[in-house]
mmCIF file of all heavy atoms, coordinates in Angstrom:
data_MODEL
# 
_entry.id   MODEL 
# 
loop_
_atom_site.group_PDB 
_atom_site.id 
_atom_site.type_symbol 
_atom_site.label_atom_id 
_atom_site.label_alt_id 
_atom_site.label_comp_id 
_atom_site.label_asym_id 
_atom_site.label_entity_id 
_atom_site.label_seq_id 
_atom_site.pdbx_PDB_ins_code 
_atom_site.Cartn_x 
_atom_site.Cartn_y 
_atom_site.Cartn_z 
_atom_site.occupancy 
_atom_site.B_iso_or_equiv 
_atom_site.pdbx_formal_charge 
_atom_site.auth_seq_id 
_atom_site.auth_comp_id 
_atom_site.auth_asym_id 
_atom_site.auth_atom_id 
_atom_site.pdbx_PDB_model_num 
ATOM 1   N N   . VAL A 1 1  ? 110.293 97.119  106.349 1.00 0.00 ? 1  VAL A N   1 
ATOM 2   C CA  . VAL A 1 1  ? 110.663 98.485  106.019 1.00 0.00 ? 1  VAL A CA  1 
ATOM 3   C C   . VAL A 1 1  ? 110.587 99.363  107.262 1.00 0.00 ? 1  VAL A C   1 
ATOM 4   O O   . VAL A 1 1  ? 109.495 99.613  107.776 1.00 0.00 ? 1  VAL A O   1 
ATOM 5   C CB  . VAL A 1 1  ? 109.725 99.051  104.928 1.00 0.00 ? 1  VAL A CB  1 
ATOM 6   C CG1 . VAL A 1 1  ? 110.174 100.428 104.493 1.00 0.00 ? 1  VAL A CG1 1 
ATOM 7   C CG2 . VAL A 1 1  ? 109.619 98.106  103.738 1.00 0.00 ? 1  VAL A CG2 1 
ATOM 8   N N   . PRO A 1 2  ? 111.736 99.848  107.764 1.00 0.00 ? 2  PRO A N   1 
ATOM 9   C CA  . PRO A 1 2  ? 111.695 100.761 108.905 1.00 0.00 ? 2  PRO A CA  1 
ATOM 10  C C   . PRO A 1 2  ? 111.285 102.158 108.436 1.00 0.00 ? 2  PRO A C   1 
ATOM 11  O O   . PRO A 1 2  ? 111.781 102.650 107.417 1.00 0.00 ? 2  PRO A O   1 
ATOM 12  C CB  . PRO A 1 2  ? 113.129 100.750 109.438 1.00 0.00 ? 2  PRO A CB  1 
ATOM 13  C CG  . PRO A 1 2  ? 113.973 100.284 108.311 1.00 0.00 ? 2  PRO A CG  1 
ATOM 14  C CD  . PRO A 1 2  ? 113.099 99.490  107.383 1.00 0.00 ? 2  PRO A CD  1 
ATOM 15  N N   . VAL A 1 3  ? 110.358 102.756 109.163 1.00 0.00 ? 3  VAL A N   1 
ATOM 16  C CA  . VAL A 1 3  ? 109.860 104.091 108.821 1.00 0.00 ? 3  VAL A CA  1 
ATOM 17  C C   . VAL A 1 3  ? 109.607 104.889 110.092 1.00 0.00 ? 3  VAL A C   1 
ATOM 18  O O   . VAL A 1 3  ? 109.330 104.330 111.161 1.00 0.00 ? 3  VAL A O   1 
ATOM 19  C CB  . VAL A 1 3  ? 108.545 104.017 108.000 1.00 0.00 ? 3  VAL A CB  1 
ATOM 20  C CG1 . VAL A 1 3  ? 108.775 103.425 106.622 1.00 0.00 ? 3  VAL A CG1 1 
ATOM 21  C CG2 . VAL A 1 3  ? 107.473 103.237 108.727 1.00 0.00 ? 3  VAL A CG2 1 
ATOM 22  N N   . ALA A 1 4  ? 109.685 106.207 109.969 1.00 0.00 ? 4  ALA A N   1 
ATOM 23  C CA  . ALA A 1 4  ? 109.297 107.098 111.062 1.00 0.00 ? 4  ALA A CA  1 
ATOM 24  C C   . ALA A 1 4  ? 107.773 107.197 111.053 1.00 0.00 ? 4  ALA A C   1 
ATOM 25  O O   . ALA A 1 4  ? 107.152 107.152 109.994 1.00 0.00 ? 4  ALA A O   1 
ATOM 26  C CB  . ALA A 1 4  ? 109.925 108.470 110.873 1.00 0.00 ? 4  ALA A CB  1 
ATOM 27  N N   . TYR A 1 5  ? 107.189 107.331 112.239 1.00 0.00 ? 5  TYR A N   1 
ATOM 28  C CA  . TYR A 1 5  ? 105.731 107.430 112.303 1.00 0.00 ? 5  TYR A CA  1 
ATOM 29  C C   . TYR A 1 5  ? 105.310 108.482 113.316 1.00 0.00 ? 5  TYR A C   1 
ATOM 30  O O   . TYR A 1 5  ? 106.083 108.916 114.163 1.00 0.00 ? 5  TYR A O   1 
ATOM 31  C CB  . TYR A 1 5  ? 105.100 106.077 112.666 1.00 0.00 ? 5  TYR A CB  1 
ATOM 32  C CG  . TYR A 1 5  ? 105.328 105.670 114.105 1.00 0.00 ? 5  TYR A CG  1 
ATOM 33  C CD1 . TYR A 1 5  ? 104.418 106.023 115.097 1.00 0.00 ? 5  TYR A CD1 1 
ATOM 34  C CD2 . TYR A 1 5  ? 106.452 104.955 114.476 1.00 0.00 ? 5  TYR A CD2 1 
ATOM 35  C CE1 . TYR A 1 5  ? 104.632 105.662 116.428 1.00 0.00 ? 5  TYR A CE1 1 
ATOM 36  C CE2 . TYR A 1 5  ? 106.679 104.587 115.785 1.00 0.00 ? 5  TYR A CE2 1 
ATOM 37  C CZ  . TYR A 1 5  ? 105.766 104.949 116.758 1.00 0.00 ? 5  TYR A CZ  1 
ATOM 38  O OH  . TYR A 1 5  ? 105.987 104.596 118.058 1.00 0.00 ? 5  TYR A OH  1 
ATOM 39  N N   . THR A 1 6  ? 104.055 108.870 113.204 1.00 0.00 ? 6  THR A N   1 
ATOM 40  C CA  . THR A 1 6  ? 103.415 109.813 114.125 1.00 0.00 ? 6  THR A CA  1 
ATOM 41  C C   . THR A 1 6  ? 102.046 109.264 114.471 1.00 0.00 ? 6  THR A C   1 
ATOM 42  O O   . THR A 1 6  ? 101.340 108.752 113.595 1.00 0.00 ? 6  THR A O   1 
ATOM 43  C CB  . THR A 1 6  ? 103.263 111.192 113.439 1.00 0.00 ? 6  THR A CB  1 
ATOM 44  O OG1 . THR A 1 6  ? 104.549 111.759 113.256 1.00 0.00 ? 6  THR A OG1 1 
ATOM 45  C CG2 . THR A 1 6  ? 102.418 112.139 114.265 1.00 0.00 ? 6  THR A CG2 1 
ATOM 46  N N   . ARG A 1 7  ? 101.687 109.361 115.724 1.00 0.00 ? 7  ARG A N   1 
ATOM 47  C CA  . ARG A 1 7  ? 100.324 109.003 116.132 1.00 0.00 ? 7  ARG A CA  1 
ATOM 48  C C   . ARG A 1 7  ? 99.463  110.255 115.968 1.00 0.00 ? 7  ARG A C   1 
ATOM 49  O O   . ARG A 1 7  ? 99.826  111.334 116.429 1.00 0.00 ? 7  ARG A O   1 
ATOM 50  C CB  . ARG A 1 7  ? 100.308 108.521 117.577 1.00 0.00 ? 7  ARG A CB  1 
ATOM 51  C CG  . ARG A 1 7  ? 101.039 107.204 117.757 1.00 0.00 ? 7  ARG A CG  1 
ATOM 52  C CD  . ARG A 1 7  ? 100.968 106.684 119.197 1.00 0.00 ? 7  ARG A CD  1 
ATOM 53  N NE  . ARG A 1 7  ? 101.789 105.495 119.347 1.00 0.00 ? 7  ARG A NE  1 
ATOM 54  C CZ  . ARG A 1 7  ? 101.409 104.269 119.057 1.00 0.00 ? 7  ARG A CZ  1 
ATOM 55  N NH1 . ARG A 1 7  ? 100.187 104.049 118.592 1.00 0.00 ? 7  ARG A NH1 1 
ATOM 56  N NH2 . ARG A 1 7  ? 102.227 103.242 119.221 1.00 0.00 ? 7  ARG A NH2 1 
ATOM 57  N N   . HIS A 1 8  ? 98.306  110.078 115.294 1.00 0.00 ? 8  HIS A N   1 
ATOM 58  C CA  . HIS A 1 8  ? 97.444  111.227 115.001 1.00 0.00 ? 8  HIS A CA  1 
ATOM 59  C C   . HIS A 1 8  ? 95.996  110.771 114.901 1.00 0.00 ? 8  HIS A C   1 
ATOM 60  O O   . HIS A 1 8  ? 95.674  109.917 114.064 1.00 0.00 ? 8  HIS A O   1 
ATOM 61  C CB  . HIS A 1 8  ? 97.895  111.879 113.684 1.00 0.00 ? 8  HIS A CB  1 
ATOM 62  C CG  . HIS A 1 8  ? 97.086  113.051 113.261 1.00 0.00 ? 8  HIS A CG  1 
ATOM 63  N ND1 . HIS A 1 8  ? 97.171  114.274 113.889 1.00 0.00 ? 8  HIS A ND1 1 
ATOM 64  C CD2 . HIS A 1 8  ? 96.173  113.193 112.277 1.00 0.00 ? 8  HIS A CD2 1 
ATOM 65  C CE1 . HIS A 1 8  ? 96.352  115.114 113.303 1.00 0.00 ? 8  HIS A CE1 1 
ATOM 66  N NE2 . HIS A 1 8  ? 95.729  114.479 112.321 1.00 0.00 ? 8  HIS A NE2 1 
ATOM 67  N N   . ASP A 1 9  ? 95.147  111.317 115.748 1.00 0.00 ? 9  ASP A N   1 
ATOM 68  C CA  . ASP A 1 9  ? 93.709  111.006 115.733 1.00 0.00 ? 9  ASP A CA  1 
ATOM 69  C C   . ASP A 1 9  ? 93.433  109.507 115.755 1.00 0.00 ? 9  ASP A C   1 
ATOM 70  O O   . ASP A 1 9  ? 92.575  109.005 115.028 1.00 0.00 ? 9  ASP A O   1 
ATOM 71  C CB  . ASP A 1 9  ? 93.024  111.637 114.514 1.00 0.00 ? 9  ASP A CB  1 
ATOM 72  C CG  . ASP A 1 9  ? 92.975  113.163 114.587 1.00 0.00 ? 9  ASP A CG  1 
ATOM 73  O OD1 . ASP A 1 9  ? 93.129  113.719 115.702 1.00 0.00 ? 9  ASP A OD1 1 
ATOM 74  O OD2 . ASP A 1 9  ? 92.777  113.809 113.537 1.00 0.00 ? 9  ASP A OD2 1 
ATOM 75  N N   . GLY A 1 10 ? 94.180  108.766 116.563 1.00 0.00 ? 10 GLY A N   1 
ATOM 76  C CA  . GLY A 1 10 ? 93.961  107.329 116.714 1.00 0.00 ? 10 GLY A CA  1 
ATOM 77  C C   . GLY A 1 10 ? 94.604  106.469 115.641 1.00 0.00 ? 10 GLY A C   1 
ATOM 78  O O   . GLY A 1 10 ? 94.487  105.246 115.684 1.00 0.00 ? 10 GLY A O   1 
ATOM 79  N N   . ASP A 1 11 ? 95.243  107.085 114.682 1.00 0.00 ? 11 ASP A N   1 
ATOM 80  C CA  . ASP A 1 11 ? 95.898  106.346 113.605 1.00 0.00 ? 11 ASP A CA  1 
ATOM 81  C C   . ASP A 1 11 ? 97.407  106.522 113.694 1.00 0.00 ? 11 ASP A C   1 
ATOM 82  O O   . ASP A 1 11 ? 97.910  107.361 114.433 1.00 0.00 ? 11 ASP A O   1 
ATOM 83  C CB  . ASP A 1 11 ? 95.430  106.858 112.228 1.00 0.00 ? 11 ASP A CB  1 
ATOM 84  C CG  . ASP A 1 11 ? 93.980  106.518 111.941 1.00 0.00 ? 11 ASP A CG  1 
ATOM 85  O OD1 . ASP A 1 11 ? 93.526  105.424 112.350 1.00 0.00 ? 11 ASP A OD1 1 
ATOM 86  O OD2 . ASP A 1 11 ? 93.303  107.337 111.303 1.00 0.00 ? 11 ASP A OD2 1 
ATOM 87  N N   . ILE A 1 12 ? 98.114  105.751 112.895 1.00 0.00 ? 12 ILE A N   1 
ATOM 88  C CA  . ILE A 1 12 ? 99.554  105.879 112.714 1.00 0.00 ? 12 ILE A CA  1 
ATOM 89  C C   . ILE A 1 12 ? 99.760  106.490 111.330 1.00 0.00 ? 12 ILE A C   1 
ATOM 90  O O   . ILE A 1 12 ? 99.205  105.994 110.340 1.00 0.00 ? 12 ILE A O   1 
ATOM 91  C CB  . ILE A 1 12 ? 100.254 104.497 112.780 1.00 0.00 ? 12 ILE A CB  1 
ATOM 92  C CG1 . ILE A 1 12 ? 99.970  103.786 114.090 1.00 0.00 ? 12 ILE A CG1 1 
ATOM 93  C CG2 . ILE A 1 12 ? 101.747 104.630 112.501 1.00 0.00 ? 12 ILE A CG2 1 
ATOM 94  C CD1 . ILE A 1 12 ? 100.508 104.461 115.316 1.00 0.00 ? 12 ILE A CD1 1 
ATOM 95  N N   . LEU A 1 13 ? 100.525 107.573 111.255 1.00 0.00 ? 13 LEU A N   1 
ATOM 96  C CA  . LEU A 1 13 ? 100.815 108.210 109.972 1.00 0.00 ? 13 LEU A CA  1 
ATOM 97  C C   . LEU A 1 13 ? 102.277 108.011 109.618 1.00 0.00 ? 13 LEU A C   1 
ATOM 98  O O   . LEU A 1 13 ? 103.155 108.162 110.477 1.00 0.00 ? 13 LEU A O   1 
ATOM 99  C CB  . LEU A 1 13 ? 100.538 109.717 110.039 1.00 0.00 ? 13 LEU A CB  1 
ATOM 100 C CG  . LEU A 1 13 ? 99.123  110.153 110.360 1.00 0.00 ? 13 LEU A CG  1 
ATOM 101 C CD1 . LEU A 1 13 ? 99.045  111.677 110.422 1.00 0.00 ? 13 LEU A CD1 1 
ATOM 102 C CD2 . LEU A 1 13 ? 98.129  109.606 109.350 1.00 0.00 ? 13 LEU A CD2 1 
ATOM 103 N N   . VAL A 1 14 ? 102.517 107.695 108.371 1.00 0.00 ? 14 VAL A N   1 
ATOM 104 C CA  . VAL A 1 14 ? 103.869 107.551 107.845 1.00 0.00 ? 14 VAL A CA  1 
ATOM 105 C C   . VAL A 1 14 ? 103.927 108.381 106.565 1.00 0.00 ? 14 VAL A C   1 
ATOM 106 O O   . VAL A 1 14 ? 103.145 108.155 105.639 1.00 0.00 ? 14 VAL A O   1 
ATOM 107 C CB  . VAL A 1 14 ? 104.193 106.075 107.521 1.00 0.00 ? 14 VAL A CB  1 
ATOM 108 C CG1 . VAL A 1 14 ? 105.555 105.964 106.841 1.00 0.00 ? 14 VAL A CG1 1 
ATOM 109 C CG2 . VAL A 1 14 ? 104.128 105.220 108.775 1.00 0.00 ? 14 VAL A CG2 1 
ATOM 110 N N   . GLY A 1 15 ? 104.836 109.338 106.535 1.00 0.00 ? 15 GLY A N   1 
ATOM 111 C CA  . GLY A 1 15 ? 105.054 110.114 105.326 1.00 0.00 ? 15 GLY A CA  1 
ATOM 112 C C   . GLY A 1 15 ? 106.280 109.553 104.627 1.00 0.00 ? 15 GLY A C   1 
ATOM 113 O O   . GLY A 1 15 ? 107.316 109.357 105.249 1.00 0.00 ? 15 GLY A O   1 
ATOM 114 N N   . THR A 1 16 ? 106.160 109.259 103.339 1.00 0.00 ? 16 THR A N   1 
ATOM 115 C CA  . THR A 1 16 ? 107.274 108.656 102.610 1.00 0.00 ? 16 THR A CA  1 
ATOM 116 C C   . THR A 1 16 ? 107.189 109.012 101.139 1.00 0.00 ? 16 THR A C   1 
ATOM 117 O O   . THR A 1 16 ? 106.123 109.379 100.634 1.00 0.00 ? 16 THR A O   1 
ATOM 118 C CB  . THR A 1 16 ? 107.277 107.121 102.792 1.00 0.00 ? 16 THR A CB  1 
ATOM 119 O OG1 . THR A 1 16 ? 108.447 106.566 102.198 1.00 0.00 ? 16 THR A OG1 1 
ATOM 120 C CG2 . THR A 1 16 ? 106.041 106.478 102.210 1.00 0.00 ? 16 THR A CG2 1 
ATOM 121 N N   . ALA A 1 17 ? 108.314 108.869 100.471 1.00 0.00 ? 17 ALA A N   1 
ATOM 122 C CA  . ALA A 1 17 ? 108.306 108.976 99.013  1.00 0.00 ? 17 ALA A CA  1 
ATOM 123 C C   . ALA A 1 17 ? 107.591 107.738 98.472  1.00 0.00 ? 17 ALA A C   1 
ATOM 124 O O   . ALA A 1 17 ? 107.472 106.730 99.169  1.00 0.00 ? 17 ALA A O   1 
ATOM 125 C CB  . ALA A 1 17 ? 109.737 109.046 98.483  1.00 0.00 ? 17 ALA A CB  1 
ATOM 126 N N   . LYS A 1 18 ? 107.126 107.820 97.271  1.00 0.00 ? 18 LYS A N   1 
ATOM 127 C CA  . LYS A 1 18 ? 106.409 106.677 96.688  1.00 0.00 ? 18 LYS A CA  1 
ATOM 128 C C   . LYS A 1 18 ? 107.413 105.639 96.191  1.00 0.00 ? 18 LYS A C   1 
ATOM 129 O O   . LYS A 1 18 ? 107.655 105.504 94.998  1.00 0.00 ? 18 LYS A O   1 
ATOM 130 C CB  . LYS A 1 18 ? 105.483 107.124 95.576  1.00 0.00 ? 18 LYS A CB  1 
ATOM 131 C CG  . LYS A 1 18 ? 104.582 106.016 95.137  1.00 0.00 ? 18 LYS A CG  1 
ATOM 132 C CD  . LYS A 1 18 ? 103.317 106.529 94.564  1.00 0.00 ? 18 LYS A CD  1 
ATOM 133 C CE  . LYS A 1 18 ? 102.569 105.376 93.984  1.00 0.00 ? 18 LYS A CE  1 
ATOM 134 N NZ  . LYS A 1 18 ? 101.443 104.921 94.541  1.00 0.00 ? 18 LYS A NZ  1 
ATOM 135 N N   . HIS A 1 19 ? 108.008 104.920 97.149  1.00 0.00 ? 19 HIS A N   1 
ATOM 136 C CA  . HIS A 1 19 ? 108.953 103.846 96.850  1.00 0.00 ? 19 HIS A CA  1 
ATOM 137 C C   . HIS A 1 19 ? 108.202 102.661 96.238  1.00 0.00 ? 19 HIS A C   1 
ATOM 138 O O   . HIS A 1 19 ? 106.992 102.518 96.439  1.00 0.00 ? 19 HIS A O   1 
ATOM 139 C CB  . HIS A 1 19 ? 109.643 103.368 98.137  1.00 0.00 ? 19 HIS A CB  1 
ATOM 140 C CG  . HIS A 1 19 ? 110.441 104.419 98.812  1.00 0.00 ? 19 HIS A CG  1 
ATOM 141 N ND1 . HIS A 1 19 ? 111.621 104.894 98.309  1.00 0.00 ? 19 HIS A ND1 1 
ATOM 142 C CD2 . HIS A 1 19 ? 110.225 105.104 99.968  1.00 0.00 ? 19 HIS A CD2 1 
ATOM 143 C CE1 . HIS A 1 19 ? 112.106 105.810 99.123  1.00 0.00 ? 19 HIS A CE1 1 
ATOM 144 N NE2 . HIS A 1 19 ? 111.285 105.964 100.122 1.00 0.00 ? 19 HIS A NE2 1 
ATOM 145 N N   . PRO A 1 20 ? 108.902 101.774 95.539  1.00 0.00 ? 20 PRO A N   1 
ATOM 146 C CA  . PRO A 1 20 ? 108.220 100.605 94.960  1.00 0.00 ? 20 PRO A CA  1 
ATOM 147 C C   . PRO A 1 20 ? 107.446 99.782  95.989  1.00 0.00 ? 20 PRO A C   1 
ATOM 148 O O   . PRO A 1 20 ? 106.364 99.280  95.683  1.00 0.00 ? 20 PRO A O   1 
ATOM 149 C CB  . PRO A 1 20 ? 109.364 99.805  94.337  1.00 0.00 ? 20 PRO A CB  1 
ATOM 150 C CG  . PRO A 1 20 ? 110.386 100.834 93.996  1.00 0.00 ? 20 PRO A CG  1 
ATOM 151 C CD  . PRO A 1 20 ? 110.296 101.859 95.102  1.00 0.00 ? 20 PRO A CD  1 
ATOM 152 N N   . TRP A 1 21 ? 107.952 99.663  97.221  1.00 0.00 ? 21 TRP A N   1 
ATOM 153 C CA  . TRP A 1 21 ? 107.257 98.853  98.221  1.00 0.00 ? 21 TRP A CA  1 
ATOM 154 C C   . TRP A 1 21 ? 105.906 99.431  98.594  1.00 0.00 ? 21 TRP A C   1 
ATOM 155 O O   . TRP A 1 21 ? 105.014 98.706  99.036  1.00 0.00 ? 21 TRP A O   1 
ATOM 156 C CB  . TRP A 1 21 ? 108.114 98.624  99.473  1.00 0.00 ? 21 TRP A CB  1 
ATOM 157 C CG  . TRP A 1 21 ? 108.532 99.871  100.206 1.00 0.00 ? 21 TRP A CG  1 
ATOM 158 C CD1 . TRP A 1 21 ? 109.714 100.533 100.092 1.00 0.00 ? 21 TRP A CD1 1 
ATOM 159 C CD2 . TRP A 1 21 ? 107.771 100.588 101.184 1.00 0.00 ? 21 TRP A CD2 1 
ATOM 160 N NE1 . TRP A 1 21 ? 109.740 101.622 100.919 1.00 0.00 ? 21 TRP A NE1 1 
ATOM 161 C CE2 . TRP A 1 21 ? 108.555 101.682 101.608 1.00 0.00 ? 21 TRP A CE2 1 
ATOM 162 C CE3 . TRP A 1 21 ? 106.507 100.431 101.754 1.00 0.00 ? 21 TRP A CE3 1 
ATOM 163 C CZ2 . TRP A 1 21 ? 108.128 102.600 102.555 1.00 0.00 ? 21 TRP A CZ2 1 
ATOM 164 C CZ3 . TRP A 1 21 ? 106.077 101.344 102.698 1.00 0.00 ? 21 TRP A CZ3 1 
ATOM 165 C CH2 . TRP A 1 21 ? 106.875 102.405 103.092 1.00 0.00 ? 21 TRP A CH2 1 
ATOM 166 N N   . VAL A 1 22 ? 105.710 100.736 98.387  1.00 0.00 ? 22 VAL A N   1 
ATOM 167 C CA  . VAL A 1 22 ? 104.426 101.374 98.727  1.00 0.00 ? 22 VAL A CA  1 
ATOM 168 C C   . VAL A 1 22 ? 103.300 100.798 97.875  1.00 0.00 ? 22 VAL A C   1 
ATOM 169 O O   . VAL A 1 22 ? 102.160 100.663 98.339  1.00 0.00 ? 22 VAL A O   1 
ATOM 170 C CB  . VAL A 1 22 ? 104.514 102.910 98.588  1.00 0.00 ? 22 VAL A CB  1 
ATOM 171 C CG1 . VAL A 1 22 ? 103.142 103.558 98.745  1.00 0.00 ? 22 VAL A CG1 1 
ATOM 172 C CG2 . VAL A 1 22 ? 105.491 103.481 99.603  1.00 0.00 ? 22 VAL A CG2 1 
ATOM 173 N N   . SER A 1 23 ? 103.598 100.412 96.639  1.00 0.00 ? 23 SER A N   1 
ATOM 174 C CA  . SER A 1 23 ? 102.554 99.869  95.759  1.00 0.00 ? 23 SER A CA  1 
ATOM 175 C C   . SER A 1 23 ? 102.012 98.536  96.264  1.00 0.00 ? 23 SER A C   1 
ATOM 176 O O   . SER A 1 23 ? 100.966 98.072  95.807  1.00 0.00 ? 23 SER A O   1 
ATOM 177 C CB  . SER A 1 23 ? 103.073 99.728  94.327  1.00 0.00 ? 23 SER A CB  1 
ATOM 178 O OG  . SER A 1 23 ? 104.112 98.784  94.276  1.00 0.00 ? 23 SER A OG  1 
ATOM 179 N N   . ASN A 1 24 ? 102.698 97.914  97.217  1.00 0.00 ? 24 ASN A N   1 
ATOM 180 C CA  . ASN A 1 24 ? 102.214 96.662  97.803  1.00 0.00 ? 24 ASN A CA  1 
ATOM 181 C C   . ASN A 1 24 ? 101.202 96.895  98.920  1.00 0.00 ? 24 ASN A C   1 
ATOM 182 O O   . ASN A 1 24 ? 100.615 95.941  99.426  1.00 0.00 ? 24 ASN A O   1 
ATOM 183 C CB  . ASN A 1 24 ? 103.395 95.844  98.347  1.00 0.00 ? 24 ASN A CB  1 
ATOM 184 C CG  . ASN A 1 24 ? 104.274 95.350  97.229  1.00 0.00 ? 24 ASN A CG  1 
ATOM 185 O OD1 . ASN A 1 24 ? 103.801 94.801  96.250  1.00 0.00 ? 24 ASN A OD1 1 
ATOM 186 N ND2 . ASN A 1 24 ? 105.569 95.567  97.370  1.00 0.00 ? 24 ASN A ND2 1 
# 
């Protein structure tokens, strides 16, 4: 799954809609 990301406080953040793949 390709997603946009942001580096923040040492972590990677991804904001997304709650797609079915998110439940995995």
